[in-house]
Structure formats: structure tokens, C-alpha cells
């Protein structure tokens, strides 16, 4: 899936988080914590740890 599309999905699923994809390809997430990741997988790993219901939210969004 295109990173831009994933960015839009993540912003809709987690509106309380600021999720940005920089021009250099770095993902930055700000909310309860601030994190930088080199891939969307890193972003998802962080959200899964700090947001206990993250998996359910993603599943509900794509139903």
C-alpha cells in the first residue's frame, strides 16, 4: 500500500495522534509519546504498545 494512503488511514484511525511522514521518509508520531521511525511498521509497533486498543481500532476501521 502507498505510504501516503497509509498516512491518511492512520490519521483517521488515531485522530488524537499527530502522524507525519517527512520528505526524507521519516515517520514522526506525537501524542502520549514522541517517536520517529524509519518505516510504517515502526509506527504501528509503537501505537500497539502505547494504545492498548490499537489493534481493535484498525480492525474496526477496515470492516
PDB file of N, CA and C in Angstrom:
ATOM      1  N   UNK A   1       0.853  -1.176   0.000  1.00  0.00           N
ATOM      2  CA  UNK A   1       0.000   0.000   0.000  1.00  0.00           C
ATOM      3  C   UNK A   1       0.896   1.235   0.000  1.00  0.00           C
ATOM      4  N   UNK A   2       0.487   2.259  -0.682  1.00  0.00           N
ATOM      5  CA  UNK A   2       1.201   3.520  -0.767  1.00  0.00           C
ATOM      6  C   UNK A   2       1.333   4.161   0.614  1.00  0.00           C
ATOM      7  N   UNK A   3       2.514   4.726   0.917  1.00  0.00           N
ATOM      8  CA  UNK A   3       2.728   5.334   2.232  1.00  0.00           C
ATOM      9  C   UNK A   3       1.795   6.513   2.485  1.00  0.00           C
ATOM     10  N   UNK A   4       1.479   7.266   1.433  1.00  0.00           N
ATOM     11  CA  UNK A   4       0.555   8.385   1.591  1.00  0.00           C
ATOM     12  C   UNK A   4      -0.837   7.930   1.997  1.00  0.00           C
ATOM     13  N   UNK A   5      -1.272   6.826   1.425  1.00  0.00           N
ATOM     14  CA  UNK A   5      -2.578   6.264   1.775  1.00  0.00           C
ATOM     15  C   UNK A   5      -2.556   5.753   3.213  1.00  0.00           C
ATOM     16  N   UNK A   6      -1.476   5.069   3.589  1.00  0.00           N
ATOM     17  CA  UNK A   6      -1.346   4.601   4.974  1.00  0.00           C
ATOM     18  C   UNK A   6      -1.371   5.764   5.954  1.00  0.00           C
ATOM     19  N   UNK A   7      -0.721   6.851   5.591  1.00  0.00           N
ATOM     20  CA  UNK A   7      -0.721   8.039   6.443  1.00  0.00           C
ATOM     21  C   UNK A   7      -2.147   8.541   6.663  1.00  0.00           C
ATOM     22  N   UNK A   8      -2.929   8.602   5.614  1.00  0.00           N
ATOM     23  CA  UNK A   8      -4.326   9.034   5.740  1.00  0.00           C
ATOM     24  C   UNK A   8      -5.129   8.095   6.631  1.00  0.00           C
ATOM     25  N   UNK A   9      -4.961   6.792   6.433  1.00  0.00           N
ATOM     26  CA  UNK A   9      -5.660   5.815   7.278  1.00  0.00           C
ATOM     27  C   UNK A   9      -5.283   5.989   8.742  1.00  0.00           C
ATOM     28  N   UNK A  10      -3.991   6.088   9.025  1.00  0.00           N
ATOM     29  CA  UNK A  10      -3.543   6.211  10.415  1.00  0.00           C
ATOM     30  C   UNK A  10      -4.071   7.482  11.067  1.00  0.00           C
ATOM     31  N   UNK A  11      -4.109   8.563  10.315  1.00  0.00           N
ATOM     32  CA  UNK A  11      -4.651   9.818  10.870  1.00  0.00           C
ATOM     33  C   UNK A  11      -6.138   9.690  11.189  1.00  0.00           C
ATOM     34  N   UNK A  12      -6.876   8.949  10.377  1.00  0.00           N
ATOM     35  CA  UNK A  12      -8.309   8.741  10.635  1.00  0.00           C
ATOM     36  C   UNK A  12      -8.537   7.809  11.813  1.00  0.00           C
ATOM     37  N   UNK A  13      -7.712   6.772  11.924  1.00  0.00           N
ATOM     38  CA  UNK A  13      -7.876   5.781  12.981  1.00  0.00           C
ATOM     39  C   UNK A  13      -7.418   6.325  14.327  1.00  0.00           C
ATOM     40  N   UNK A  14      -6.384   7.159  14.325  1.00  0.00           N
ATOM     41  CA  UNK A  14      -5.807   7.706  15.559  1.00  0.00           C
ATOM     42  C   UNK A  14      -5.798   9.234  15.503  1.00  0.00           C
ATOM     43  N   UNK A  15      -6.974   9.871  15.532  1.00  0.00           N
ATOM     44  CA  UNK A  15      -7.032  11.331  15.378  1.00  0.00           C
ATOM     45  C   UNK A  15      -6.374  12.103  16.525  1.00  0.00           C
ATOM     46  N   UNK A  16      -6.218  11.464  17.676  1.00  0.00           N
ATOM     47  CA  UNK A  16      -5.602  12.148  18.815  1.00  0.00           C
ATOM     48  C   UNK A  16      -4.074  12.195  18.704  1.00  0.00           C
ATOM     49  N   UNK A  17      -3.532  11.523  17.711  1.00  0.00           N
ATOM     50  CA  UNK A  17      -2.094  11.498  17.476  1.00  0.00           C
ATOM     51  C   UNK A  17      -1.755  12.364  16.270  1.00  0.00           C
ATOM     52  N   UNK A  18      -0.627  13.042  16.343  1.00  0.00           N
ATOM     53  CA  UNK A  18      -0.098  13.745  15.180  1.00  0.00           C
ATOM     54  C   UNK A  18       0.833  12.768  14.469  1.00  0.00           C
ATOM     55  N   UNK A  19       0.494  12.411  13.248  1.00  0.00           N
ATOM     56  CA  UNK A  19       1.287  11.445  12.485  1.00  0.00           C
ATOM     57  C   UNK A  19       1.715  12.124  11.188  1.00  0.00           C
ATOM     58  N   UNK A  20       3.038  12.191  10.988  1.00  0.00           N
ATOM     59  CA  UNK A  20       3.599  12.916   9.853  1.00  0.00           C
ATOM     60  C   UNK A  20       4.635  12.045   9.160  1.00  0.00           C
ATOM     61  N   UNK A  21       4.651  12.105   7.849  1.00  0.00           N
ATOM     62  CA  UNK A  21       5.691  11.461   7.053  1.00  0.00           C
ATOM     63  C   UNK A  21       6.517  12.572   6.421  1.00  0.00           C
ATOM     64  N   UNK A  22       7.766  12.731   6.889  1.00  0.00           N
ATOM     65  CA  UNK A  22       8.640  13.787   6.382  1.00  0.00           C
ATOM     66  C   UNK A  22       9.068  13.511   4.947  1.00  0.00           C
ATOM     67  N   UNK A  23       9.600  14.544   4.304  1.00  0.00           N
ATOM     68  CA  UNK A  23      10.072  14.395   2.928  1.00  0.00           C
ATOM     69  C   UNK A  23      11.223  13.403   2.808  1.00  0.00           C
ATOM     70  N   UNK A  24      11.966  13.223   3.906  1.00  0.00           N
ATOM     71  CA  UNK A  24      13.082  12.273   3.875  1.00  0.00           C
ATOM     72  C   UNK A  24      12.646  10.843   4.192  1.00  0.00           C
ATOM     73  N   UNK A  25      11.335  10.629   4.378  1.00  0.00           N
ATOM     74  CA  UNK A  25      10.805   9.290   4.626  1.00  0.00           C
ATOM     75  C   UNK A  25      10.730   8.885   6.082  1.00  0.00           C
ATOM     76  N   UNK A  26      10.982   9.829   6.981  1.00  0.00           N
ATOM     77  CA  UNK A  26      10.908   9.544   8.410  1.00  0.00           C
ATOM     78  C   UNK A  26       9.486   9.762   8.906  1.00  0.00           C
ATOM     79  N   UNK A  27       8.968   8.778   9.617  1.00  0.00           N
ATOM     80  CA  UNK A  27       7.646   8.867  10.226  1.00  0.00           C
ATOM     81  C   UNK A  27       7.810   9.480  11.607  1.00  0.00           C
ATOM     82  N   UNK A  28       7.001  10.475  11.943  1.00  0.00           N
ATOM     83  CA  UNK A  28       7.041  11.100  13.261  1.00  0.00           C
ATOM     84  C   UNK A  28       5.642  11.028  13.865  1.00  0.00           C
ATOM     85  N   UNK A  29       5.595  10.555  15.096  1.00  0.00           N
ATOM     86  CA  UNK A  29       4.328  10.373  15.797  1.00  0.00           C
ATOM     87  C   UNK A  29       4.409  11.114  17.123  1.00  0.00           C
ATOM     88  N   UNK A  30       3.420  11.950  17.397  1.00  0.00           N
ATOM     89  CA  UNK A  30       3.372  12.684  18.663  1.00  0.00           C
ATOM     90  C   UNK A  30       2.005  12.511  19.288  1.00  0.00           C
ATOM     91  N   UNK A  31       2.030  12.230  20.562  1.00  0.00           N
ATOM     92  CA  UNK A  31       0.812  12.055  21.342  1.00  0.00           C
ATOM     93  C   UNK A  31       1.234  11.879  22.774  1.00  0.00           C
ATOM     94  N   UNK A  32       0.947  10.716  23.363  1.00  0.00           N
ATOM     95  CA  UNK A  32       1.403  10.407  24.719  1.00  0.00           C
ATOM     96  C   UNK A  32       2.922  10.400  24.767  1.00  0.00           C
ATOM     97  N   UNK A  33       3.538  10.025  23.650  1.00  0.00           N
ATOM     98  CA  UNK A  33       4.990   9.989  23.490  1.00  0.00           C
ATOM     99  C   UNK A  33       5.327  10.564  22.121  1.00  0.00           C
ATOM    100  N   UNK A  34       6.594  10.873  21.922  1.00  0.00           N
ATOM    101  CA  UNK A  34       7.070  11.305  20.606  1.00  0.00           C
ATOM    102  C   UNK A  34       8.033  10.256  20.089  1.00  0.00           C
ATOM    103  N   UNK A  35       7.797   9.852  18.854  1.00  0.00           N
ATOM    104  CA  UNK A  35       8.594   8.777  18.278  1.00  0.00           C
ATOM    105  C   UNK A  35       8.907   9.106  16.822  1.00  0.00           C
ATOM    106  N   UNK A  36      10.095   8.726  16.410  1.00  0.00           N
ATOM    107  CA  UNK A  36      10.466   8.767  14.998  1.00  0.00           C
ATOM    108  C   UNK A  36      10.737   7.340  14.569  1.00  0.00           C
ATOM    109  N   UNK A  37      10.313   7.001  13.367  1.00  0.00           N
ATOM    110  CA  UNK A  37      10.528   5.647  12.855  1.00  0.00           C
ATOM    111  C   UNK A  37      10.887   5.728  11.380  1.00  0.00           C
ATOM    112  N   UNK A  38      11.665   4.775  10.933  1.00  0.00           N
ATOM    113  CA  UNK A  38      12.077   4.758   9.531  1.00  0.00           C
ATOM    114  C   UNK A  38      11.057   4.063   8.632  1.00  0.00           C
ATOM    115  N   UNK A  39      10.054   3.435   9.249  1.00  0.00           N
ATOM    116  CA  UNK A  39       9.042   2.731   8.456  1.00  0.00           C
ATOM    117  C   UNK A  39       7.690   2.791   9.158  1.00  0.00           C
ATOM    118  N   UNK A  40       6.657   2.508   8.402  1.00  0.00           N
ATOM    119  CA  UNK A  40       5.319   2.466   8.982  1.00  0.00           C
ATOM    120  C   UNK A  40       5.208   1.316   9.977  1.00  0.00           C
ATOM    121  N   UNK A  41       5.972   0.255   9.773  1.00  0.00           N
ATOM    122  CA  UNK A  41       5.963  -0.858  10.729  1.00  0.00           C
ATOM    123  C   UNK A  41       6.394  -0.387  12.114  1.00  0.00           C
ATOM    124  N   UNK A  42       7.396   0.491  12.158  1.00  0.00           N
ATOM    125  CA  UNK A  42       7.840   1.039  13.436  1.00  0.00           C
ATOM    126  C   UNK A  42       6.757   1.863  14.102  1.00  0.00           C
ATOM    127  N   UNK A  43       6.027   2.630  13.307  1.00  0.00           N
ATOM    128  CA  UNK A  43       4.915   3.428  13.833  1.00  0.00           C
ATOM    129  C   UNK A  43       3.845   2.513  14.416  1.00  0.00           C
ATOM    130  N   UNK A  44       3.495   1.470  13.685  1.00  0.00           N
ATOM    131  CA  UNK A  44       2.467   0.542  14.155  1.00  0.00           C
ATOM    132  C   UNK A  44       2.897  -0.182  15.425  1.00  0.00           C
ATOM    133  N   UNK A  45       4.173  -0.526  15.523  1.00  0.00           N
ATOM    134  CA  UNK A  45       4.673  -1.176  16.737  1.00  0.00           C
ATOM    135  C   UNK A  45       4.523  -0.261  17.947  1.00  0.00           C
ATOM    136  N   UNK A  46       4.862   1.010  17.779  1.00  0.00           N
ATOM    137  CA  UNK A  46       4.736   1.971  18.879  1.00  0.00           C
ATOM    138  C   UNK A  46       3.278   2.145  19.268  1.00  0.00           C
ATOM    139  N   UNK A  47       2.408   2.339  18.287  1.00  0.00           N
ATOM    140  CA  UNK A  47       0.993   2.521  18.594  1.00  0.00           C
ATOM    141  C   UNK A  47       0.411   1.290  19.282  1.00  0.00           C
ATOM    142  N   UNK A  48       0.862   0.109  18.892  1.00  0.00           N
ATOM    143  CA  UNK A  48       0.371  -1.123  19.525  1.00  0.00           C
ATOM    144  C   UNK A  48       0.766  -1.194  20.993  1.00  0.00           C
ATOM    145  N   UNK A  49       1.904  -0.611  21.336  1.00  0.00           N
ATOM    146  CA  UNK A  49       2.369  -0.634  22.726  1.00  0.00           C
ATOM    147  C   UNK A  49       1.667   0.428  23.566  1.00  0.00           C
ATOM    148  N   UNK A  50       1.561   1.645  23.038  1.00  0.00           N
ATOM    149  CA  UNK A  50       1.033   2.750  23.849  1.00  0.00           C
ATOM    150  C   UNK A  50      -0.483   2.903  23.769  1.00  0.00           C
ATOM    151  N   UNK A  51      -1.116   2.286  22.778  1.00  0.00           N
ATOM    152  CA  UNK A  51      -2.572   2.326  22.640  1.00  0.00           C
ATOM    153  C   UNK A  51      -3.097   0.891  22.740  1.00  0.00           C
ATOM    154  N   UNK A  52      -3.537   0.466  23.912  1.00  0.00           N
ATOM    155  CA  UNK A  52      -3.970  -0.923  24.102  1.00  0.00           C
ATOM    156  C   UNK A  52      -5.046  -1.384  23.110  1.00  0.00           C
ATOM    157  N   UNK A  53      -5.882  -0.479  22.661  1.00  0.00           N
ATOM    158  CA  UNK A  53      -6.964  -0.866  21.751  1.00  0.00           C
ATOM    159  C   UNK A  53      -6.603  -0.633  20.285  1.00  0.00           C
ATOM    160  N   UNK A  54      -5.341  -0.402  19.975  1.00  0.00           N
ATOM    161  CA  UNK A  54      -4.917  -0.085  18.610  1.00  0.00           C
ATOM    162  C   UNK A  54      -5.334  -1.153  17.603  1.00  0.00           C
ATOM    163  N   UNK A  55      -5.115  -2.402  17.932  1.00  0.00           N
ATOM    164  CA  UNK A  55      -5.460  -3.486  17.007  1.00  0.00           C
ATOM    165  C   UNK A  55      -6.956  -3.499  16.709  1.00  0.00           C
ATOM    166  N   UNK A  56      -7.774  -3.321  17.742  1.00  0.00           N
ATOM    167  CA  UNK A  56      -9.227  -3.302  17.548  1.00  0.00           C
ATOM    168  C   UNK A  56      -9.654  -2.111  16.702  1.00  0.00           C
ATOM    169  N   UNK A  57      -9.021  -0.966  16.916  1.00  0.00           N
ATOM    170  CA  UNK A  57      -9.369   0.227  16.145  1.00  0.00           C
ATOM    171  C   UNK A  57      -9.063   0.036  14.665  1.00  0.00           C
ATOM    172  N   UNK A  58      -7.918  -0.548  14.366  1.00  0.00           N
ATOM    173  CA  UNK A  58      -7.552  -0.798  12.969  1.00  0.00           C
ATOM    174  C   UNK A  58      -8.516  -1.803  12.352  1.00  0.00           C
ATOM    175  N   UNK A  59      -8.807  -2.865  13.072  1.00  0.00           N
ATOM    176  CA  UNK A  59      -9.723  -3.897  12.570  1.00  0.00           C
ATOM    177  C   UNK A  59     -11.103  -3.297  12.292  1.00  0.00           C
ATOM    178  N   UNK A  60     -11.624  -2.483  13.204  1.00  0.00           N
ATOM    179  CA  UNK A  60     -12.940  -1.861  13.025  1.00  0.00           C
ATOM    180  C   UNK A  60     -12.956  -0.925  11.818  1.00  0.00           C
ATOM    181  N   UNK A  61     -11.868  -0.208  11.613  1.00  0.00           N
ATOM    182  CA  UNK A  61     -11.797   0.745  10.509  1.00  0.00           C
ATOM    183  C   UNK A  61     -11.924   0.043   9.159  1.00  0.00           C
ATOM    184  N   UNK A  62     -11.319  -1.133   9.045  1.00  0.00           N
ATOM    185  CA  UNK A  62     -11.295  -1.825   7.760  1.00  0.00           C
ATOM    186  C   UNK A  62     -12.434  -2.816   7.572  1.00  0.00           C
ATOM    187  N   UNK A  63     -13.401  -2.834   8.464  1.00  0.00           N
ATOM    188  CA  UNK A  63     -14.572  -3.713   8.280  1.00  0.00           C
ATOM    189  C   UNK A  63     -15.546  -3.109   7.323  1.00  0.00           C
TER     190      UNK A  63
END
